[in-house]
């Protein structure tokens, strides 16, 4: 909304996710959580702004760590879905109630419950992630059940050359 410049170049979502995992690893270890990365061996390339996409992945991952109790598990997965590339971050955290889900990407929206009211945040991170993904022609979503954890994800069109490789592989 503030006129962020988006520079689209081919970038490997798996590489960006691996960088975020390494940056977040000390926090994961301090909470005795486990973090799992799932990705095929082939590069999954999208045309996007690598710095902004990394910001989205970092926000999803940071939230998963914050909203998952000690000893929990975070899974980051990158996969091809038709002619798109999908990235998801799932956790075994507190989850989000059905009444809160429609507003979760709204500016300044914060889930208010006993388990999460001590966790700091501005309520802007998910609104910014939605803006970044939409500016790059993608879709963003969340699936969650209270007490069961959450999955945040996005899809972007695969890089043009990826379309051919994915068609040959199927």
C-alpha atoms as a PDB file:
ATOM      1  CA  UNK A   1       0.000   0.000   0.000  1.00  0.00           C
ATOM      2  CA  UNK A   2       2.895   2.342   0.680  1.00  0.00           C
ATOM      3  CA  UNK A   3       4.193   1.800  -2.838  1.00  0.00           C
ATOM      4  CA  UNK A   4       6.726  -0.922  -2.127  1.00  0.00           C
ATOM      5  CA  UNK A   5       8.867  -1.532  -5.166  1.00  0.00           C
ATOM      6  CA  UNK A   6       8.583  -5.131  -6.265  1.00  0.00           C
ATOM      7  CA  UNK A   7      11.374  -6.434  -8.454  1.00  0.00           C
ATOM      8  CA  UNK A   8      10.478  -9.777  -9.967  1.00  0.00           C
ATOM      9  CA  UNK A   9      13.353 -12.070 -10.769  1.00  0.00           C
ATOM     10  CA  UNK A  10      13.597 -15.876 -10.793  1.00  0.00           C
ATOM     11  CA  UNK A  11      14.136 -17.083  -7.228  1.00  0.00           C
ATOM     12  CA  UNK A  12      14.132 -20.474  -5.566  1.00  0.00           C
ATOM     13  CA  UNK A  13      11.555 -20.589  -2.754  1.00  0.00           C
ATOM     14  CA  UNK A  14      13.286 -23.573  -1.135  1.00  0.00           C
ATOM     15  CA  UNK A  15      16.552 -21.635  -0.869  1.00  0.00           C
ATOM     16  CA  UNK A  16      14.765 -18.676   0.721  1.00  0.00           C
ATOM     17  CA  UNK A  17      13.035 -21.015   3.198  1.00  0.00           C
ATOM     18  CA  UNK A  18      16.347 -22.667   4.111  1.00  0.00           C
ATOM     19  CA  UNK A  19      17.879 -19.251   4.813  1.00  0.00           C
ATOM     20  CA  UNK A  20      14.976 -18.337   7.103  1.00  0.00           C
ATOM     21  CA  UNK A  21      15.243 -21.666   8.931  1.00  0.00           C
ATOM     22  CA  UNK A  22      18.933 -21.098   9.632  1.00  0.00           C
ATOM     23  CA  UNK A  23      18.261 -17.552  10.858  1.00  0.00           C
ATOM     24  CA  UNK A  24      15.449 -18.736  13.158  1.00  0.00           C
ATOM     25  CA  UNK A  25      17.193 -21.912  14.391  1.00  0.00           C
ATOM     26  CA  UNK A  26      18.583 -20.363  17.632  1.00  0.00           C
ATOM     27  CA  UNK A  27      15.060 -19.333  18.728  1.00  0.00           C
ATOM     28  CA  UNK A  28      13.647 -22.756  17.790  1.00  0.00           C
ATOM     29  CA  UNK A  29      16.357 -24.463  19.827  1.00  0.00           C
ATOM     30  CA  UNK A  30      15.846 -22.134  22.807  1.00  0.00           C
ATOM     31  CA  UNK A  31      12.178 -23.223  22.889  1.00  0.00           C
ATOM     32  CA  UNK A  32      13.150 -26.892  22.425  1.00  0.00           C
ATOM     33  CA  UNK A  33      11.016 -26.994  19.281  1.00  0.00           C
ATOM     34  CA  UNK A  34      11.762 -28.988  16.175  1.00  0.00           C
ATOM     35  CA  UNK A  35      11.708 -27.535  12.687  1.00  0.00           C
ATOM     36  CA  UNK A  36      11.259 -29.749   9.636  1.00  0.00           C
ATOM     37  CA  UNK A  37      11.829 -28.738   6.021  1.00  0.00           C
ATOM     38  CA  UNK A  38      10.107 -30.588   3.179  1.00  0.00           C
ATOM     39  CA  UNK A  39      11.061 -29.839  -0.412  1.00  0.00           C
ATOM     40  CA  UNK A  40      11.665 -31.839  -3.580  1.00  0.00           C
ATOM     41  CA  UNK A  41      15.202 -32.096  -4.891  1.00  0.00           C
ATOM     42  CA  UNK A  42      14.432 -29.990  -7.984  1.00  0.00           C
ATOM     43  CA  UNK A  43      14.558 -26.202  -7.602  1.00  0.00           C
ATOM     44  CA  UNK A  44      11.112 -24.618  -7.326  1.00  0.00           C
ATOM     45  CA  UNK A  45      11.484 -21.251  -9.020  1.00  0.00           C
ATOM     46  CA  UNK A  46       9.025 -18.347  -9.032  1.00  0.00           C
ATOM     47  CA  UNK A  47       9.295 -14.868 -10.489  1.00  0.00           C
ATOM     48  CA  UNK A  48       9.227 -12.703  -7.413  1.00  0.00           C
ATOM     49  CA  UNK A  49      10.982 -10.236  -5.193  1.00  0.00           C
ATOM     50  CA  UNK A  50      13.334 -12.473  -3.199  1.00  0.00           C
ATOM     51  CA  UNK A  51      13.733 -10.040  -0.288  1.00  0.00           C
ATOM     52  CA  UNK A  52       9.964  -9.590   0.079  1.00  0.00           C
ATOM     53  CA  UNK A  53       9.269 -13.321  -0.251  1.00  0.00           C
ATOM     54  CA  UNK A  54      11.878 -14.028   2.406  1.00  0.00           C
ATOM     55  CA  UNK A  55      10.108 -11.450   4.598  1.00  0.00           C
ATOM     56  CA  UNK A  56       6.830 -13.400   4.202  1.00  0.00           C
ATOM     57  CA  UNK A  57       8.491 -16.730   5.010  1.00  0.00           C
ATOM     58  CA  UNK A  58      10.234 -15.176   8.023  1.00  0.00           C
ATOM     59  CA  UNK A  59       6.956 -13.715   9.299  1.00  0.00           C
ATOM     60  CA  UNK A  60       5.131 -17.047   8.964  1.00  0.00           C
ATOM     61  CA  UNK A  61       8.018 -18.877  10.643  1.00  0.00           C
ATOM     62  CA  UNK A  62       8.446 -16.351  13.439  1.00  0.00           C
ATOM     63  CA  UNK A  63       4.719 -16.497  14.201  1.00  0.00           C
ATOM     64  CA  UNK A  64       4.778 -20.298  14.206  1.00  0.00           C
ATOM     65  CA  UNK A  65       7.633 -20.237  16.721  1.00  0.00           C
ATOM     66  CA  UNK A  66       5.952 -17.608  18.927  1.00  0.00           C
ATOM     67  CA  UNK A  67       2.544 -19.290  18.953  1.00  0.00           C
ATOM     68  CA  UNK A  68       3.821 -22.842  19.488  1.00  0.00           C
ATOM     69  CA  UNK A  69       4.594 -23.924  23.044  1.00  0.00           C
ATOM     70  CA  UNK A  70       7.998 -25.276  24.039  1.00  0.00           C
ATOM     71  CA  UNK A  71       8.599 -28.720  22.563  1.00  0.00           C
ATOM     72  CA  UNK A  72       6.298 -28.127  19.578  1.00  0.00           C
ATOM     73  CA  UNK A  73       6.965 -28.715  15.905  1.00  0.00           C
ATOM     74  CA  UNK A  74       7.108 -26.374  12.905  1.00  0.00           C
ATOM     75  CA  UNK A  75       7.056 -27.725   9.357  1.00  0.00           C
ATOM     76  CA  UNK A  76       7.962 -25.658   6.318  1.00  0.00           C
ATOM     77  CA  UNK A  77       7.073 -27.233   2.978  1.00  0.00           C
ATOM     78  CA  UNK A  78       7.664 -26.094  -0.593  1.00  0.00           C
ATOM     79  CA  UNK A  79       5.958 -28.033  -3.391  1.00  0.00           C
ATOM     80  CA  UNK A  80       4.773 -27.752  -6.958  1.00  0.00           C
ATOM     81  CA  UNK A  81       0.988 -27.536  -7.375  1.00  0.00           C
ATOM     82  CA  UNK A  82       0.081 -27.598 -11.047  1.00  0.00           C
ATOM     83  CA  UNK A  83       1.679 -24.530 -12.610  1.00  0.00           C
ATOM     84  CA  UNK A  84       2.191 -22.889  -9.226  1.00  0.00           C
ATOM     85  CA  UNK A  85       4.657 -23.202  -6.371  1.00  0.00           C
ATOM     86  CA  UNK A  86       3.237 -23.417  -2.856  1.00  0.00           C
ATOM     87  CA  UNK A  87       4.950 -22.693   0.440  1.00  0.00           C
ATOM     88  CA  UNK A  88       3.342 -23.582   3.764  1.00  0.00           C
ATOM     89  CA  UNK A  89       4.380 -23.140   7.373  1.00  0.00           C
ATOM     90  CA  UNK A  90       2.530 -25.426   9.782  1.00  0.00           C
ATOM     91  CA  UNK A  91       2.794 -25.609  13.539  1.00  0.00           C
ATOM     92  CA  UNK A  92       1.498 -27.569  16.504  1.00  0.00           C
ATOM     93  CA  UNK A  93       0.671 -24.372  18.343  1.00  0.00           C
ATOM     94  CA  UNK A  94      -2.354 -22.811  19.970  1.00  0.00           C
ATOM     95  CA  UNK A  95      -4.364 -22.504  16.771  1.00  0.00           C
ATOM     96  CA  UNK A  96      -6.863 -19.823  15.823  1.00  0.00           C
ATOM     97  CA  UNK A  97     -10.592 -19.922  16.485  1.00  0.00           C
ATOM     98  CA  UNK A  98     -13.001 -19.996  13.549  1.00  0.00           C
ATOM     99  CA  UNK A  99     -14.358 -16.561  14.536  1.00  0.00           C
ATOM    100  CA  UNK A 100     -10.865 -15.002  14.250  1.00  0.00           C
ATOM    101  CA  UNK A 101      -9.838 -16.576  10.933  1.00  0.00           C
ATOM    102  CA  UNK A 102     -11.657 -14.125   8.602  1.00  0.00           C
ATOM    103  CA  UNK A 103      -9.815 -11.152  10.164  1.00  0.00           C
ATOM    104  CA  UNK A 104      -6.351 -12.651  10.629  1.00  0.00           C
ATOM    105  CA  UNK A 105      -4.817 -10.757   7.659  1.00  0.00           C
ATOM    106  CA  UNK A 106      -6.423  -7.416   8.615  1.00  0.00           C
ATOM    107  CA  UNK A 107      -4.244  -4.522   9.802  1.00  0.00           C
ATOM    108  CA  UNK A 108      -3.757  -4.373  13.571  1.00  0.00           C
ATOM    109  CA  UNK A 109      -5.847  -7.504  14.148  1.00  0.00           C
ATOM    110  CA  UNK A 110      -4.629  -9.615  17.049  1.00  0.00           C
ATOM    111  CA  UNK A 111      -6.185 -12.804  18.377  1.00  0.00           C
ATOM    112  CA  UNK A 112      -7.107 -12.204  21.981  1.00  0.00           C
ATOM    113  CA  UNK A 113      -7.132 -15.223  24.268  1.00  0.00           C
ATOM    114  CA  UNK A 114      -5.478 -16.379  27.488  1.00  0.00           C
ATOM    115  CA  UNK A 115      -2.753 -18.371  25.746  1.00  0.00           C
ATOM    116  CA  UNK A 116      -1.591 -15.603  23.431  1.00  0.00           C
ATOM    117  CA  UNK A 117      -2.213 -12.306  25.245  1.00  0.00           C
ATOM    118  CA  UNK A 118       1.388 -12.244  26.586  1.00  0.00           C
ATOM    119  CA  UNK A 119       2.882 -12.580  23.092  1.00  0.00           C
ATOM    120  CA  UNK A 120       4.013  -9.253  21.700  1.00  0.00           C
ATOM    121  CA  UNK A 121       3.168  -8.016  18.230  1.00  0.00           C
ATOM    122  CA  UNK A 122       1.676  -5.081  16.351  1.00  0.00           C
ATOM    123  CA  UNK A 123      -0.917  -6.924  14.308  1.00  0.00           C
ATOM    124  CA  UNK A 124       0.725  -5.702  11.094  1.00  0.00           C
ATOM    125  CA  UNK A 125       2.886  -8.680  10.067  1.00  0.00           C
ATOM    126  CA  UNK A 126       0.163 -10.750   8.423  1.00  0.00           C
ATOM    127  CA  UNK A 127      -1.392  -7.699   6.736  1.00  0.00           C
ATOM    128  CA  UNK A 128       2.016  -6.896   5.242  1.00  0.00           C
ATOM    129  CA  UNK A 129       2.515 -10.501   4.104  1.00  0.00           C
ATOM    130  CA  UNK A 130      -0.863 -10.459   2.357  1.00  0.00           C
ATOM    131  CA  UNK A 131       0.062  -7.232   0.570  1.00  0.00           C
ATOM    132  CA  UNK A 132       3.440  -8.642  -0.552  1.00  0.00           C
ATOM    133  CA  UNK A 133       1.934 -11.848  -1.937  1.00  0.00           C
ATOM    134  CA  UNK A 134      -0.950 -10.071  -3.672  1.00  0.00           C
ATOM    135  CA  UNK A 135       1.457  -7.543  -5.260  1.00  0.00           C
ATOM    136  CA  UNK A 136       3.258 -10.513  -6.800  1.00  0.00           C
ATOM    137  CA  UNK A 137       0.051 -12.033  -8.183  1.00  0.00           C
ATOM    138  CA  UNK A 138      -0.214 -14.770  -5.567  1.00  0.00           C
ATOM    139  CA  UNK A 139      -2.777 -16.128  -3.158  1.00  0.00           C
ATOM    140  CA  UNK A 140      -2.355 -16.336   0.620  1.00  0.00           C
ATOM    141  CA  UNK A 141      -4.384 -18.332   3.146  1.00  0.00           C
ATOM    142  CA  UNK A 142      -4.587 -19.785   6.627  1.00  0.00           C
ATOM    143  CA  UNK A 143      -6.097 -22.989   7.966  1.00  0.00           C
ATOM    144  CA  UNK A 144      -6.355 -23.513  11.695  1.00  0.00           C
ATOM    145  CA  UNK A 145      -8.189 -25.206  14.513  1.00  0.00           C
ATOM    146  CA  UNK A 146      -8.086 -23.963  18.064  1.00  0.00           C
ATOM    147  CA  UNK A 147      -5.766 -26.165  20.096  1.00  0.00           C
ATOM    148  CA  UNK A 148      -4.543 -28.024  16.987  1.00  0.00           C
ATOM    149  CA  UNK A 149      -2.144 -25.591  15.319  1.00  0.00           C
ATOM    150  CA  UNK A 150      -2.158 -23.553  12.139  1.00  0.00           C
ATOM    151  CA  UNK A 151      -0.962 -23.655   8.559  1.00  0.00           C
ATOM    152  CA  UNK A 152      -0.190 -20.424   6.738  1.00  0.00           C
ATOM    153  CA  UNK A 153       0.595 -20.615   3.049  1.00  0.00           C
ATOM    154  CA  UNK A 154       0.900 -18.882  -0.263  1.00  0.00           C
ATOM    155  CA  UNK A 155       1.063 -19.814  -3.945  1.00  0.00           C
ATOM    156  CA  UNK A 156       2.787 -18.032  -6.779  1.00  0.00           C
ATOM    157  CA  UNK A 157       3.012 -18.855 -10.456  1.00  0.00           C
ATOM    158  CA  UNK A 158       6.004 -21.010 -11.282  1.00  0.00           C
ATOM    159  CA  UNK A 159       8.749 -19.399 -13.349  1.00  0.00           C
ATOM    160  CA  UNK A 160       8.004 -19.865 -17.067  1.00  0.00           C
ATOM    161  CA  UNK A 161      10.772 -22.440 -17.579  1.00  0.00           C
ATOM    162  CA  UNK A 162       9.451 -24.369 -14.565  1.00  0.00           C
ATOM    163  CA  UNK A 163       6.118 -24.887 -16.366  1.00  0.00           C
ATOM    164  CA  UNK A 164       7.885 -26.969 -19.019  1.00  0.00           C
ATOM    165  CA  UNK A 165       9.913 -28.969 -16.479  1.00  0.00           C
ATOM    166  CA  UNK A 166       6.840 -29.648 -14.342  1.00  0.00           C
ATOM    167  CA  UNK A 167       4.826 -30.744 -17.390  1.00  0.00           C
ATOM    168  CA  UNK A 168       7.596 -33.157 -18.431  1.00  0.00           C
ATOM    169  CA  UNK A 169       7.809 -34.582 -14.896  1.00  0.00           C
ATOM    170  CA  UNK A 170       4.074 -35.361 -14.723  1.00  0.00           C
END
